[in-house]
N, C-alpha and C. Protein backbone atom coordinates (compact mmCIF):
# COMPACT_ATOMS: atom_id res chain seq x y z
N UNK A 1 0.82 -1.18 0.00
CA UNK A 1 0.00 0.00 0.00
C UNK A 1 0.87 1.25 0.00
N UNK A 2 1.95 1.27 0.79
CA UNK A 2 2.85 2.42 0.85
C UNK A 2 3.52 2.66 -0.48
N UNK A 3 3.83 1.55 -1.16
CA UNK A 3 4.47 1.69 -2.47
C UNK A 3 3.48 2.27 -3.48
N UNK A 4 2.21 1.91 -3.35
CA UNK A 4 1.17 2.42 -4.25
C UNK A 4 0.98 3.93 -4.05
N UNK A 5 1.00 4.41 -2.81
CA UNK A 5 0.87 5.86 -2.51
C UNK A 5 2.07 6.59 -3.09
N UNK A 6 3.24 6.01 -2.92
CA UNK A 6 4.45 6.66 -3.45
C UNK A 6 4.37 6.76 -4.97
N UNK A 7 3.85 5.72 -5.64
CA UNK A 7 3.72 5.72 -7.09
C UNK A 7 2.68 6.74 -7.53
N UNK A 8 1.57 6.83 -6.82
CA UNK A 8 0.52 7.80 -7.13
C UNK A 8 1.05 9.23 -6.96
N UNK A 9 1.86 9.47 -5.95
CA UNK A 9 2.44 10.80 -5.72
C UNK A 9 3.34 11.18 -6.88
N UNK A 10 4.10 10.21 -7.39
CA UNK A 10 4.99 10.50 -8.51
C UNK A 10 4.18 10.81 -9.77
N UNK A 11 3.09 10.11 -9.97
CA UNK A 11 2.25 10.35 -11.14
C UNK A 11 1.62 11.73 -11.06
N UNK A 12 1.09 12.08 -9.88
CA UNK A 12 0.49 13.40 -9.67
C UNK A 12 1.54 14.48 -9.91
N UNK A 13 2.73 14.29 -9.37
CA UNK A 13 3.80 15.26 -9.54
C UNK A 13 4.19 15.38 -11.02
N UNK A 14 4.27 14.25 -11.72
CA UNK A 14 4.65 14.24 -13.13
C UNK A 14 3.60 14.92 -13.99
N UNK A 15 2.36 14.82 -13.62
CA UNK A 15 1.28 15.46 -14.37
C UNK A 15 1.18 16.94 -14.02
N UNK A 16 1.40 17.29 -12.77
CA UNK A 16 1.26 18.67 -12.29
C UNK A 16 2.25 19.61 -12.99
N UNK A 17 3.47 19.22 -13.13
CA UNK A 17 4.50 20.10 -13.73
C UNK A 17 4.11 20.50 -15.15
N UNK A 18 3.75 19.56 -16.05
CA UNK A 18 3.35 19.99 -17.40
C UNK A 18 2.10 20.87 -17.40
N UNK A 19 1.17 20.58 -16.49
CA UNK A 19 -0.06 21.40 -16.40
C UNK A 19 0.30 22.83 -16.00
N UNK A 20 1.15 22.98 -15.00
CA UNK A 20 1.57 24.33 -14.58
C UNK A 20 2.32 25.05 -15.70
N UNK A 21 3.19 24.34 -16.38
CA UNK A 21 3.90 24.96 -17.50
C UNK A 21 2.93 25.37 -18.60
N UNK A 22 1.94 24.55 -18.87
CA UNK A 22 0.94 24.87 -19.89
C UNK A 22 0.14 26.10 -19.48
N UNK A 23 -0.19 26.18 -18.19
CA UNK A 23 -0.93 27.36 -17.70
C UNK A 23 -0.12 28.62 -17.91
N UNK A 24 1.15 28.56 -17.62
CA UNK A 24 2.01 29.74 -17.80
C UNK A 24 2.12 30.09 -19.28
N UNK A 25 2.12 29.07 -20.14
CA UNK A 25 2.18 29.31 -21.57
C UNK A 25 0.87 29.92 -22.07
N UNK A 26 -0.24 29.38 -21.61
CA UNK A 26 -1.55 29.87 -22.06
C UNK A 26 -1.93 31.20 -21.41
N UNK A 27 -1.53 31.38 -20.18
CA UNK A 27 -1.86 32.59 -19.42
C UNK A 27 -0.58 33.15 -18.82
N UNK A 28 0.26 33.72 -19.65
CA UNK A 28 1.57 34.18 -19.15
C UNK A 28 1.42 35.30 -18.13
N UNK A 29 2.34 35.31 -17.21
CA UNK A 29 2.42 36.38 -16.23
C UNK A 29 3.23 37.49 -16.86
N UNK A 30 2.68 38.73 -16.87
CA UNK A 30 3.44 39.82 -17.50
C UNK A 30 4.79 40.01 -16.82
N UNK A 31 5.78 40.31 -17.62
CA UNK A 31 7.11 40.54 -17.09
C UNK A 31 7.12 41.83 -16.28
N UNK A 32 7.90 41.84 -15.23
CA UNK A 32 8.04 43.04 -14.41
C UNK A 32 8.78 44.09 -15.22
N UNK A 33 8.38 45.36 -15.11
CA UNK A 33 9.09 46.40 -15.87
C UNK A 33 10.54 46.49 -15.42
N UNK A 34 11.42 46.81 -16.38
CA UNK A 34 12.83 46.92 -16.04
C UNK A 34 13.13 48.24 -15.35
N UNK A 35 12.29 49.25 -15.58
CA UNK A 35 12.45 50.54 -14.92
C UNK A 35 11.20 50.82 -14.12
N UNK A 36 11.34 51.47 -12.96
CA UNK A 36 10.14 51.76 -12.18
C UNK A 36 9.26 52.73 -12.95
N UNK A 37 7.93 52.59 -12.81
CA UNK A 37 7.05 53.54 -13.50
C UNK A 37 7.29 54.94 -12.99
N UNK A 38 7.20 55.90 -13.87
CA UNK A 38 7.40 57.29 -13.48
C UNK A 38 6.07 57.99 -13.42
N UNK A 39 6.02 59.05 -12.60
CA UNK A 39 4.83 59.87 -12.50
C UNK A 39 4.67 60.64 -13.81
N UNK A 40 3.48 61.07 -14.09
CA UNK A 40 3.24 61.87 -15.30
C UNK A 40 4.26 62.99 -15.37
N UNK A 41 4.66 63.36 -16.56
CA UNK A 41 5.70 64.36 -16.76
C UNK A 41 5.32 65.71 -16.17
N UNK A 42 4.08 65.98 -16.10
CA UNK A 42 3.65 67.28 -15.62
C UNK A 42 2.57 67.15 -14.57
N UNK A 43 2.59 68.04 -13.64
CA UNK A 43 1.46 68.20 -12.76
C UNK A 43 0.78 69.45 -13.25
N UNK A 44 -0.45 69.35 -13.63
CA UNK A 44 -1.12 70.43 -14.32
C UNK A 44 -2.32 70.88 -13.53
N UNK A 45 -2.50 72.18 -13.44
CA UNK A 45 -3.74 72.72 -12.93
C UNK A 45 -4.38 73.43 -14.10
N UNK A 46 -5.51 72.95 -14.54
CA UNK A 46 -6.20 73.53 -15.67
C UNK A 46 -7.36 74.34 -15.15
N UNK A 47 -7.52 75.52 -15.66
CA UNK A 47 -8.54 76.40 -15.13
C UNK A 47 -9.71 76.60 -16.06
N UNK A 48 -9.71 75.93 -17.20
CA UNK A 48 -10.86 75.95 -18.08
C UNK A 48 -11.27 74.51 -18.30
N UNK A 49 -12.49 74.12 -17.90
CA UNK A 49 -12.88 72.72 -18.00
C UNK A 49 -12.69 72.12 -19.39
N UNK A 50 -12.85 72.90 -20.47
CA UNK A 50 -12.70 72.33 -21.80
C UNK A 50 -11.24 72.08 -22.18
N UNK A 51 -10.31 72.46 -21.31
CA UNK A 51 -8.89 72.26 -21.60
C UNK A 51 -8.29 71.08 -20.84
N UNK A 52 -9.14 70.27 -20.21
CA UNK A 52 -8.61 69.19 -19.39
C UNK A 52 -7.68 68.30 -20.20
N UNK A 53 -6.42 68.19 -19.78
CA UNK A 53 -5.48 67.33 -20.48
C UNK A 53 -5.56 65.91 -19.93
N UNK A 54 -4.73 65.04 -20.48
CA UNK A 54 -4.71 63.68 -20.00
C UNK A 54 -3.87 63.56 -18.73
N UNK A 55 -3.03 64.56 -18.45
CA UNK A 55 -2.22 64.52 -17.25
C UNK A 55 -3.11 64.78 -16.02
N UNK A 56 -2.54 64.55 -14.86
CA UNK A 56 -3.23 64.82 -13.61
C UNK A 56 -3.61 66.30 -13.59
N UNK A 57 -4.87 66.61 -13.36
CA UNK A 57 -5.28 67.99 -13.45
C UNK A 57 -6.38 68.32 -12.45
N UNK A 58 -6.56 69.61 -12.22
CA UNK A 58 -7.61 70.10 -11.34
C UNK A 58 -8.21 71.32 -12.00
N UNK A 59 -9.51 71.33 -12.20
CA UNK A 59 -10.18 72.50 -12.78
C UNK A 59 -10.54 73.45 -11.67
N UNK A 60 -10.27 74.76 -11.86
CA UNK A 60 -10.62 75.73 -10.84
C UNK A 60 -11.63 76.75 -11.33
N UNK A 61 -12.00 76.72 -12.60
CA UNK A 61 -13.08 77.56 -13.09
C UNK A 61 -12.72 78.97 -13.52
N UNK A 62 -11.47 79.34 -13.64
CA UNK A 62 -11.12 80.66 -14.12
C UNK A 62 -10.53 80.53 -15.52
N UNK A 63 -10.05 81.62 -16.09
CA UNK A 63 -9.68 81.63 -17.51
C UNK A 63 -8.17 81.64 -17.75
N UNK A 64 -7.43 80.87 -17.01
CA UNK A 64 -5.99 80.75 -17.22
C UNK A 64 -5.60 79.30 -16.95
N UNK A 65 -4.39 78.95 -17.33
CA UNK A 65 -3.90 77.59 -17.11
C UNK A 65 -2.56 77.65 -16.40
N UNK A 66 -2.37 76.76 -15.43
CA UNK A 66 -1.10 76.61 -14.73
C UNK A 66 -0.53 75.24 -15.02
N UNK A 67 0.77 75.20 -15.27
CA UNK A 67 1.48 73.94 -15.45
C UNK A 67 2.73 74.02 -14.60
N UNK A 68 2.96 73.03 -13.75
CA UNK A 68 4.18 73.01 -12.94
C UNK A 68 5.12 71.97 -13.52
N UNK A 69 6.35 72.41 -13.82
CA UNK A 69 7.37 71.52 -14.35
C UNK A 69 8.39 71.19 -13.26
N UNK A 70 8.96 69.99 -13.35
CA UNK A 70 9.96 69.53 -12.39
C UNK A 70 11.22 69.12 -13.14
N UNK A 71 12.40 69.26 -12.52
CA UNK A 71 13.66 68.95 -13.22
C UNK A 71 13.71 67.54 -13.80
N UNK A 72 13.09 66.59 -13.17
CA UNK A 72 13.10 65.22 -13.67
C UNK A 72 12.30 65.03 -14.94
N UNK A 73 11.55 66.07 -15.34
CA UNK A 73 10.72 65.96 -16.54
C UNK A 73 11.53 66.09 -17.83
N UNK A 74 12.76 66.58 -17.73
CA UNK A 74 13.58 66.71 -18.93
C UNK A 74 14.29 68.05 -18.99
N UNK A 75 14.85 68.32 -20.15
CA UNK A 75 15.59 69.55 -20.41
C UNK A 75 14.64 70.75 -20.38
N UNK A 76 14.98 71.78 -19.62
CA UNK A 76 14.09 72.92 -19.43
C UNK A 76 13.73 73.59 -20.75
N UNK A 77 14.70 73.84 -21.60
CA UNK A 77 14.40 74.52 -22.86
C UNK A 77 13.45 73.71 -23.75
N UNK A 78 13.61 72.40 -23.78
CA UNK A 78 12.70 71.55 -24.54
C UNK A 78 11.30 71.57 -23.93
N UNK A 79 11.24 71.50 -22.61
CA UNK A 79 9.95 71.54 -21.93
C UNK A 79 9.23 72.86 -22.19
N UNK A 80 9.98 73.96 -22.14
CA UNK A 80 9.37 75.27 -22.38
C UNK A 80 8.87 75.38 -23.82
N UNK A 81 9.62 74.83 -24.76
CA UNK A 81 9.17 74.86 -26.16
C UNK A 81 7.86 74.10 -26.32
N UNK A 82 7.77 72.95 -25.68
CA UNK A 82 6.55 72.14 -25.74
C UNK A 82 5.37 72.87 -25.11
N UNK A 83 5.59 73.44 -23.93
CA UNK A 83 4.50 74.14 -23.23
C UNK A 83 4.09 75.41 -23.98
N UNK A 84 5.05 76.12 -24.55
CA UNK A 84 4.72 77.33 -25.32
C UNK A 84 3.89 76.98 -26.54
N UNK A 85 4.21 75.86 -27.17
CA UNK A 85 3.43 75.41 -28.32
C UNK A 85 1.99 75.10 -27.90
N UNK A 86 1.83 74.41 -26.76
CA UNK A 86 0.49 74.11 -26.24
C UNK A 86 -0.27 75.40 -25.97
N UNK A 87 0.40 76.35 -25.33
CA UNK A 87 -0.23 77.63 -25.00
C UNK A 87 -0.70 78.34 -26.25
N UNK A 88 0.16 78.40 -27.25
CA UNK A 88 -0.17 79.08 -28.50
C UNK A 88 -1.37 78.43 -29.18
N UNK A 89 -1.41 77.09 -29.20
CA UNK A 89 -2.54 76.39 -29.79
C UNK A 89 -3.85 76.71 -29.07
N UNK A 90 -3.75 76.97 -27.76
CA UNK A 90 -4.94 77.30 -26.97
C UNK A 90 -5.27 78.80 -27.02
N UNK A 91 -4.41 79.57 -27.68
CA UNK A 91 -4.63 81.01 -27.75
C UNK A 91 -4.27 81.72 -26.45
N UNK A 92 -3.35 81.13 -25.68
CA UNK A 92 -2.94 81.70 -24.40
C UNK A 92 -1.49 82.20 -24.48
N UNK A 93 -1.17 83.15 -23.63
CA UNK A 93 0.18 83.72 -23.55
C UNK A 93 1.06 82.83 -22.67
N UNK A 94 2.15 82.26 -23.20
CA UNK A 94 3.04 81.46 -22.36
C UNK A 94 3.93 82.35 -21.50
N UNK A 95 3.92 82.08 -20.19
CA UNK A 95 4.72 82.86 -19.24
C UNK A 95 5.34 81.89 -18.24
N UNK A 96 6.64 82.06 -17.98
CA UNK A 96 7.34 81.27 -16.96
C UNK A 96 7.30 82.04 -15.66
N UNK A 97 6.97 81.34 -14.59
CA UNK A 97 7.01 81.93 -13.24
C UNK A 97 7.94 81.10 -12.38
N UNK A 98 8.96 81.74 -11.81
CA UNK A 98 9.79 81.10 -10.79
C UNK A 98 9.20 81.48 -9.45
N UNK A 99 8.96 80.48 -8.60
CA UNK A 99 8.35 80.72 -7.30
C UNK A 99 8.91 79.74 -6.28
N UNK A 100 8.35 79.74 -5.08
CA UNK A 100 8.71 78.78 -4.03
C UNK A 100 7.56 78.71 -3.03
N UNK A 101 7.45 77.60 -2.37
CA UNK A 101 6.36 77.43 -1.40
C UNK A 101 6.51 78.35 -0.19
N UNK A 102 7.73 78.75 0.12
CA UNK A 102 7.99 79.59 1.29
C UNK A 102 7.91 81.08 0.99
N UNK A 103 7.70 81.46 -0.25
CA UNK A 103 7.72 82.85 -0.71
C UNK A 103 6.39 83.55 -0.39
N UNK A 104 6.39 84.59 0.49
CA UNK A 104 5.13 85.26 0.85
C UNK A 104 4.35 85.84 -0.34
N UNK A 105 4.98 86.55 -1.30
CA UNK A 105 4.19 87.04 -2.43
C UNK A 105 3.61 85.89 -3.27
N UNK A 106 4.38 84.82 -3.41
CA UNK A 106 3.89 83.64 -4.16
C UNK A 106 2.67 83.05 -3.46
N UNK A 107 2.75 82.96 -2.14
CA UNK A 107 1.63 82.44 -1.37
C UNK A 107 0.40 83.33 -1.53
N UNK A 108 0.60 84.64 -1.49
CA UNK A 108 -0.52 85.58 -1.63
C UNK A 108 -1.17 85.46 -3.01
N UNK A 109 -0.36 85.33 -4.04
CA UNK A 109 -0.89 85.18 -5.41
C UNK A 109 -1.66 83.87 -5.53
N UNK A 110 -1.06 82.78 -5.06
CA UNK A 110 -1.72 81.48 -5.15
C UNK A 110 -3.04 81.47 -4.39
N UNK A 111 -3.06 82.07 -3.21
CA UNK A 111 -4.29 82.12 -2.42
C UNK A 111 -5.36 82.94 -3.13
N UNK A 112 -4.98 84.08 -3.66
CA UNK A 112 -5.96 84.93 -4.36
C UNK A 112 -6.54 84.21 -5.58
N UNK A 113 -5.71 83.50 -6.31
CA UNK A 113 -6.20 82.76 -7.47
C UNK A 113 -7.06 81.57 -7.04
N UNK A 114 -6.63 80.88 -6.01
CA UNK A 114 -7.42 79.75 -5.51
C UNK A 114 -8.78 80.21 -5.01
N UNK A 115 -8.81 81.38 -4.35
CA UNK A 115 -10.06 81.95 -3.84
C UNK A 115 -10.87 82.62 -4.94
N UNK A 116 -10.34 82.60 -6.16
CA UNK A 116 -11.00 83.19 -7.33
C UNK A 116 -11.27 84.68 -7.15
N UNK A 117 -10.27 85.37 -6.59
CA UNK A 117 -10.37 86.82 -6.45
C UNK A 117 -10.59 87.42 -7.84
N UNK A 118 -11.64 88.20 -7.98
CA UNK A 118 -12.04 88.73 -9.28
C UNK A 118 -10.94 89.52 -9.96
N UNK A 119 -10.22 90.35 -9.21
CA UNK A 119 -9.14 91.15 -9.80
C UNK A 119 -8.01 90.25 -10.33
N UNK A 120 -7.65 89.25 -9.55
CA UNK A 120 -6.55 88.38 -9.94
C UNK A 120 -6.94 87.47 -11.11
N UNK A 121 -8.15 86.95 -11.08
CA UNK A 121 -8.60 86.09 -12.17
C UNK A 121 -8.62 86.88 -13.48
N UNK A 122 -9.07 88.12 -13.42
CA UNK A 122 -9.08 88.97 -14.62
C UNK A 122 -7.65 89.23 -15.09
N UNK A 123 -6.75 89.52 -14.16
CA UNK A 123 -5.36 89.81 -14.52
C UNK A 123 -4.70 88.60 -15.18
N UNK A 124 -4.96 87.41 -14.71
CA UNK A 124 -4.33 86.19 -15.22
C UNK A 124 -5.08 85.59 -16.39
N UNK A 125 -6.20 86.16 -16.77
CA UNK A 125 -7.00 85.65 -17.87
C UNK A 125 -6.18 85.63 -19.16
N UNK A 126 -6.25 84.50 -19.87
CA UNK A 126 -5.54 84.36 -21.14
C UNK A 126 -4.08 83.98 -21.00
N UNK A 127 -3.66 83.59 -19.79
CA UNK A 127 -2.25 83.27 -19.53
C UNK A 127 -2.08 81.77 -19.34
N UNK A 128 -1.02 81.24 -19.90
CA UNK A 128 -0.60 79.85 -19.70
C UNK A 128 0.65 79.93 -18.84
N UNK A 129 0.49 79.74 -17.54
CA UNK A 129 1.55 79.95 -16.57
C UNK A 129 2.35 78.67 -16.35
N UNK A 130 3.62 78.72 -16.67
CA UNK A 130 4.54 77.59 -16.52
C UNK A 130 5.35 77.84 -15.25
N UNK A 131 5.01 77.12 -14.19
CA UNK A 131 5.60 77.38 -12.87
C UNK A 131 6.80 76.49 -12.61
N UNK A 132 7.87 77.12 -12.11
CA UNK A 132 9.10 76.42 -11.76
C UNK A 132 9.49 76.82 -10.34
N UNK A 133 9.68 75.85 -9.47
CA UNK A 133 10.06 76.10 -8.08
C UNK A 133 11.58 76.28 -7.99
N UNK A 134 12.03 77.41 -7.44
CA UNK A 134 13.48 77.65 -7.35
C UNK A 134 14.18 76.64 -6.46
N UNK A 135 13.44 76.04 -5.52
CA UNK A 135 14.06 75.02 -4.67
C UNK A 135 14.34 73.73 -5.45
N UNK A 136 13.65 73.54 -6.56
CA UNK A 136 13.92 72.39 -7.43
C UNK A 136 14.88 72.75 -8.56
N UNK A 137 14.64 73.88 -9.20
CA UNK A 137 15.40 74.27 -10.41
C UNK A 137 16.64 75.08 -10.10
N UNK A 138 16.67 75.75 -8.97
CA UNK A 138 17.78 76.63 -8.63
C UNK A 138 17.52 78.04 -9.12
N UNK A 139 18.45 78.91 -8.81
CA UNK A 139 18.36 80.32 -9.19
C UNK A 139 19.19 80.51 -10.45
N UNK A 140 18.72 81.35 -11.35
CA UNK A 140 19.45 81.67 -12.58
C UNK A 140 19.79 80.43 -13.39
N UNK A 141 18.78 79.68 -13.72
CA UNK A 141 18.93 78.44 -14.46
C UNK A 141 18.71 78.70 -15.96
N UNK A 142 19.53 78.10 -16.78
CA UNK A 142 19.40 78.15 -18.25
C UNK A 142 19.15 79.55 -18.80
N UNK A 143 19.89 80.52 -18.29
CA UNK A 143 19.79 81.88 -18.82
C UNK A 143 18.68 82.73 -18.22
N UNK A 144 17.89 82.17 -17.33
CA UNK A 144 16.89 82.98 -16.61
C UNK A 144 17.61 83.62 -15.43
N UNK A 145 17.87 84.92 -15.55
CA UNK A 145 18.61 85.63 -14.50
C UNK A 145 17.66 86.47 -13.68
N UNK A 146 17.67 86.24 -12.36
CA UNK A 146 16.79 86.98 -11.46
C UNK A 146 17.37 86.92 -10.05
N UNK A 147 16.94 87.87 -9.23
CA UNK A 147 17.43 87.92 -7.85
C UNK A 147 16.31 87.80 -6.83
N UNK A 148 15.08 87.83 -7.26
CA UNK A 148 13.95 87.70 -6.35
C UNK A 148 12.81 86.96 -7.00
N UNK A 149 11.92 86.45 -6.16
CA UNK A 149 10.73 85.74 -6.65
C UNK A 149 9.50 86.31 -5.98
N UNK A 150 8.35 86.19 -6.58
CA UNK A 150 8.12 85.57 -7.88
C UNK A 150 8.67 86.44 -8.99
N UNK A 151 9.03 85.80 -10.08
CA UNK A 151 9.49 86.51 -11.25
C UNK A 151 8.85 85.84 -12.47
N UNK A 152 8.44 86.67 -13.43
CA UNK A 152 7.70 86.21 -14.61
C UNK A 152 8.46 86.60 -15.87
N UNK A 153 8.60 85.63 -16.79
CA UNK A 153 9.24 85.85 -18.08
C UNK A 153 8.24 85.48 -19.17
N UNK A 154 7.97 86.43 -20.06
CA UNK A 154 7.12 86.11 -21.21
C UNK A 154 7.92 85.27 -22.20
N UNK A 155 7.23 84.32 -22.84
CA UNK A 155 7.83 83.48 -23.86
C UNK A 155 7.14 83.71 -25.19
N UNK A 156 7.86 83.43 -26.28
CA UNK A 156 7.22 83.45 -27.59
C UNK A 156 6.65 82.06 -27.87
N UNK A 157 6.10 81.87 -29.05
CA UNK A 157 5.45 80.60 -29.41
C UNK A 157 6.43 79.43 -29.45
N UNK A 158 7.73 79.70 -29.54
CA UNK A 158 8.74 78.64 -29.57
C UNK A 158 9.34 78.38 -28.19
N UNK A 159 8.89 79.10 -27.18
CA UNK A 159 9.40 78.90 -25.82
C UNK A 159 10.63 79.71 -25.51
N UNK A 160 10.96 80.69 -26.35
CA UNK A 160 12.11 81.56 -26.12
C UNK A 160 11.67 82.80 -25.35
N UNK A 161 12.54 83.31 -24.50
CA UNK A 161 12.23 84.53 -23.74
C UNK A 161 12.10 85.71 -24.68
N UNK A 162 11.09 86.55 -24.45
CA UNK A 162 10.88 87.74 -25.27
C UNK A 162 11.67 88.92 -24.75
N UNK A 163 12.18 88.82 -23.53
CA UNK A 163 12.88 89.94 -22.90
C UNK A 163 11.99 90.69 -21.93
N UNK A 164 10.69 90.39 -21.94
CA UNK A 164 9.78 91.05 -21.00
C UNK A 164 9.75 90.24 -19.71
N UNK A 165 10.07 90.92 -18.61
CA UNK A 165 10.17 90.27 -17.30
C UNK A 165 9.65 91.22 -16.22
N UNK A 166 9.07 90.64 -15.19
CA UNK A 166 8.59 91.42 -14.05
C UNK A 166 8.73 90.55 -12.81
N UNK A 167 8.98 91.20 -11.67
CA UNK A 167 9.08 90.42 -10.43
C UNK A 167 8.23 91.04 -9.33
N UNK A 168 8.24 90.41 -8.18
CA UNK A 168 7.42 90.83 -7.05
C UNK A 168 7.74 92.21 -6.52
N UNK A 169 8.82 92.82 -6.95
CA UNK A 169 9.15 94.18 -6.53
C UNK A 169 8.35 95.23 -7.28
N UNK A 170 7.51 94.80 -8.22
CA UNK A 170 6.74 95.74 -9.05
C UNK A 170 5.50 96.27 -8.35
N UNK A 171 5.16 95.71 -7.21
CA UNK A 171 4.00 96.18 -6.45
C UNK A 171 4.40 96.31 -4.99
N UNK A 172 3.57 96.97 -4.23
CA UNK A 172 3.86 97.16 -2.80
C UNK A 172 3.35 95.95 -2.01
N UNK A 173 2.46 96.18 -1.07
CA UNK A 173 1.93 95.11 -0.24
C UNK A 173 1.35 93.98 -1.11
N UNK A 174 1.54 92.75 -0.65
CA UNK A 174 1.11 91.57 -1.42
C UNK A 174 -0.39 91.30 -1.25
N UNK A 175 -1.17 92.20 -1.80
CA UNK A 175 -2.62 92.04 -1.78
C UNK A 175 -3.13 92.17 -3.22
N UNK A 176 -4.25 91.51 -3.53
CA UNK A 176 -4.75 91.53 -4.91
C UNK A 176 -4.91 92.93 -5.48
N UNK A 177 -5.31 93.89 -4.67
CA UNK A 177 -5.51 95.25 -5.16
C UNK A 177 -4.22 95.88 -5.67
N UNK A 178 -3.08 95.43 -5.16
CA UNK A 178 -1.78 95.91 -5.64
C UNK A 178 -1.20 95.04 -6.76
N UNK A 179 -1.36 93.74 -6.60
CA UNK A 179 -0.75 92.79 -7.54
C UNK A 179 -1.49 92.78 -8.88
N UNK A 180 -2.80 92.68 -8.85
CA UNK A 180 -3.60 92.47 -10.06
C UNK A 180 -3.38 93.53 -11.14
N UNK A 181 -3.41 94.83 -10.82
CA UNK A 181 -3.23 95.82 -11.89
C UNK A 181 -1.85 95.71 -12.57
N UNK A 182 -0.82 95.44 -11.77
CA UNK A 182 0.54 95.31 -12.31
C UNK A 182 0.63 94.09 -13.23
N UNK A 183 0.09 92.97 -12.76
CA UNK A 183 0.15 91.76 -13.56
C UNK A 183 -0.74 91.86 -14.80
N UNK A 184 -1.87 92.51 -14.67
CA UNK A 184 -2.77 92.70 -15.81
C UNK A 184 -2.05 93.47 -16.92
N UNK A 185 -1.36 94.56 -16.56
CA UNK A 185 -0.59 95.34 -17.55
C UNK A 185 0.51 94.48 -18.17
N UNK A 186 1.22 93.75 -17.33
CA UNK A 186 2.32 92.91 -17.83
C UNK A 186 1.82 91.84 -18.80
N UNK A 187 0.78 91.14 -18.41
CA UNK A 187 0.27 90.05 -19.23
C UNK A 187 -0.40 90.54 -20.51
N UNK A 188 -1.07 91.66 -20.44
CA UNK A 188 -1.93 92.06 -21.56
C UNK A 188 -1.44 93.24 -22.38
N UNK A 189 -0.47 94.01 -21.86
CA UNK A 189 0.02 95.15 -22.64
C UNK A 189 1.53 95.24 -22.65
N UNK A 190 2.22 94.46 -21.85
CA UNK A 190 3.67 94.57 -21.75
C UNK A 190 4.06 95.26 -20.47
N UNK A 191 5.36 95.44 -20.27
CA UNK A 191 5.87 96.05 -19.02
C UNK A 191 5.34 97.44 -18.81
């Protein structure tokens, strides 16, 4: 009887291996990626619902678009060219903003836009804002020369600087009543 159980075990084992191999052949397990998956190239805040991109986005209901770029996304000049092209296709003005989370004027601007302050929303209307954090990108990167933040550089349709620049020193107290008129002139009429 013991010999019969041992023989049955061998038969079961001999049959099981080909069955398992056949299962793997018929229903293969996908190979593990050789590189870890990366997060979407851009974190995007879209402010017009009809502009929702395929990237991670949040609609806020105003008439401008924000895109935040990170150094791991690629070469800055190439990224700016791509974003400027997108902006132009949407009929928006491409503008680079260098900022930081610890920057009081940056915080005031972000809060006013998040709160949909009428003056600020009007000032930023028609703008495709490409945001770069100085703590990630550094100061004076790739020919962008500045000494304070926030600082804004207008771009042409190819992502090249037009020479028009403005920074947080252009207004007094960091309140929408001071910021909005200055930014409105910069975005819509020039310096």
